[in-house]
Amino acid sequence: KSANHRIYIQKISISITTYSAKTWTIQDDATTPVPVAILSIPATQATAFGDEGTVVWDFGPTGTPITLGKNLDLDVSAAGAAGIIHIEGYEVLVGPVAVASTN
């Protein structure tokens, strides 16, 4: 990727396997990070997490864009919680470079 690529997030699924009162933030890595999803993990499994401890954010088929040229990061408040994260998305070449590109 280059500074002319934009990532679009379509869906995020997080299945918590170890509970610990922590916060996970999925955000871009801009100088001032832009959050895409924030998960407050309780000390023990709560009913809000469903029977399997899974939380899903669905941004639709188009998705939600992150800052141009930036990557997606997971920022954790502290160690202790654990889980499985699945992210679906795509990247697009944008701007004048995209117009001149053949790929």
Protein backbone atom coordinates (compact mmCIF):
# COMPACT_ATOMS: atom_id res chain seq x y z
CA LYS A 1 0.00 0.00 0.00
CA SER A 2 0.95 3.63 -0.31
CA ALA A 3 -0.15 6.99 1.04
CA ASN A 4 -2.80 6.92 -1.71
CA HIS A 5 -4.60 3.82 -0.42
CA ARG A 6 -7.65 3.98 1.86
CA ILE A 7 -8.82 1.03 3.95
CA TYR A 8 -12.57 0.44 4.38
CA ILE A 9 -13.75 -1.66 7.32
CA GLN A 10 -16.91 -3.65 6.59
CA LYS A 11 -17.25 -5.85 9.65
CA ILE A 12 -15.50 -6.47 12.96
CA SER A 13 -16.22 -9.52 15.15
CA ILE A 14 -14.60 -9.93 18.54
CA SER A 15 -15.05 -13.09 20.60
CA ILE A 16 -13.76 -12.63 24.12
CA THR A 17 -12.13 -15.74 25.58
CA THR A 18 -10.63 -14.25 28.76
CA TYR A 19 -12.53 -11.53 30.59
CA SER A 20 -10.75 -8.73 32.44
CA ALA A 21 -11.98 -5.18 32.95
CA LYS A 22 -10.14 -3.64 29.99
CA THR A 23 -10.91 -1.51 26.94
CA TRP A 24 -9.96 -2.39 23.37
CA THR A 25 -10.05 0.32 20.71
CA ILE A 26 -9.77 -0.45 17.00
CA GLN A 27 -8.50 2.71 15.34
CA ASP A 28 -6.33 4.02 12.57
CA ASP A 29 -2.72 5.02 13.20
CA ALA A 30 -3.05 8.69 12.28
CA THR A 31 -1.27 11.28 14.45
CA THR A 32 -4.63 11.76 16.16
CA PRO A 33 -6.10 8.24 15.89
CA VAL A 34 -9.68 7.92 14.62
CA PRO A 35 -11.57 5.14 16.46
CA VAL A 36 -13.62 2.67 14.41
CA ALA A 37 -14.88 0.54 17.32
CA ILE A 38 -14.47 0.58 21.10
CA LEU A 39 -15.11 -2.44 23.30
CA SER A 40 -15.30 -2.24 27.09
CA ILE A 41 -14.60 -5.75 28.32
CA PRO A 42 -16.14 -6.55 31.71
CA ALA A 43 -14.36 -8.47 34.45
CA THR A 44 -16.75 -11.40 33.87
CA GLN A 45 -18.96 -12.39 30.94
CA ALA A 46 -22.02 -10.15 30.70
CA THR A 47 -25.28 -10.83 28.88
CA ALA A 48 -24.44 -8.01 26.43
CA PHE A 49 -21.81 -10.32 24.97
CA GLY A 50 -24.34 -13.05 24.18
CA ASP A 51 -23.97 -16.75 24.77
CA GLU A 52 -20.65 -16.99 22.95
CA GLY A 53 -19.08 -13.74 24.14
CA THR A 54 -19.07 -12.23 20.63
CA VAL A 55 -19.64 -8.59 19.68
CA VAL A 56 -20.13 -7.59 16.02
CA TRP A 57 -19.94 -4.21 14.29
CA ASP A 58 -21.35 -4.31 10.76
CA PHE A 59 -20.63 -1.25 8.61
CA GLY A 60 -22.44 -2.62 5.55
CA PRO A 61 -21.09 -3.59 2.13
CA THR A 62 -19.44 -0.21 1.49
CA GLY A 63 -17.82 -0.10 4.92
CA THR A 64 -16.46 2.80 6.90
CA PRO A 65 -13.20 4.44 5.75
CA ILE A 66 -10.16 5.08 7.89
CA THR A 67 -7.76 7.96 7.31
CA LEU A 68 -6.13 7.92 3.86
CA GLY A 69 -2.77 6.13 3.85
CA LYS A 70 -3.10 4.85 7.41
CA ASN A 71 -3.22 1.36 8.93
CA LEU A 72 -5.62 -0.22 11.39
CA ASP A 73 -4.41 -0.72 14.97
CA LEU A 74 -5.68 -2.42 18.12
CA ASP A 75 -5.05 -0.26 21.20
CA VAL A 76 -5.52 -2.10 24.50
CA SER A 77 -5.85 -0.30 27.85
CA ALA A 78 -3.76 -2.99 29.59
CA ALA A 79 -2.95 -6.69 29.38
CA GLY A 80 -5.36 -9.24 30.81
CA ALA A 81 -8.22 -9.74 28.37
CA ALA A 82 -7.95 -12.13 25.42
CA GLY A 83 -10.04 -12.94 22.40
CA ILE A 84 -10.34 -13.65 18.72
CA ILE A 85 -10.69 -10.70 16.35
CA HIS A 86 -11.94 -11.03 12.79
CA ILE A 87 -11.95 -7.96 10.53
CA GLU A 88 -13.37 -7.79 7.01
CA GLY A 89 -12.54 -4.95 4.68
CA TYR A 90 -10.80 -3.82 1.54
CA GLU A 91 -8.48 -1.10 0.31
CA VAL A 92 -8.88 1.32 -2.58
CA LEU A 93 -6.33 3.40 -4.48
CA VAL A 94 -7.66 6.97 -4.46
CA GLY A 95 -6.79 10.43 -5.74
CA PRO A 96 -4.87 11.47 -8.85
CA VAL A 97 -2.69 8.36 -8.65
CA ALA A 98 -5.78 6.14 -9.00
CA VAL A 99 -6.89 8.00 -12.12
CA ALA A 100 -3.51 7.46 -13.77
CA SER A 101 -3.14 3.86 -12.58
CA THR A 102 -3.80 0.80 -14.66
CA ASN A 103 -4.16 -1.56 -11.67
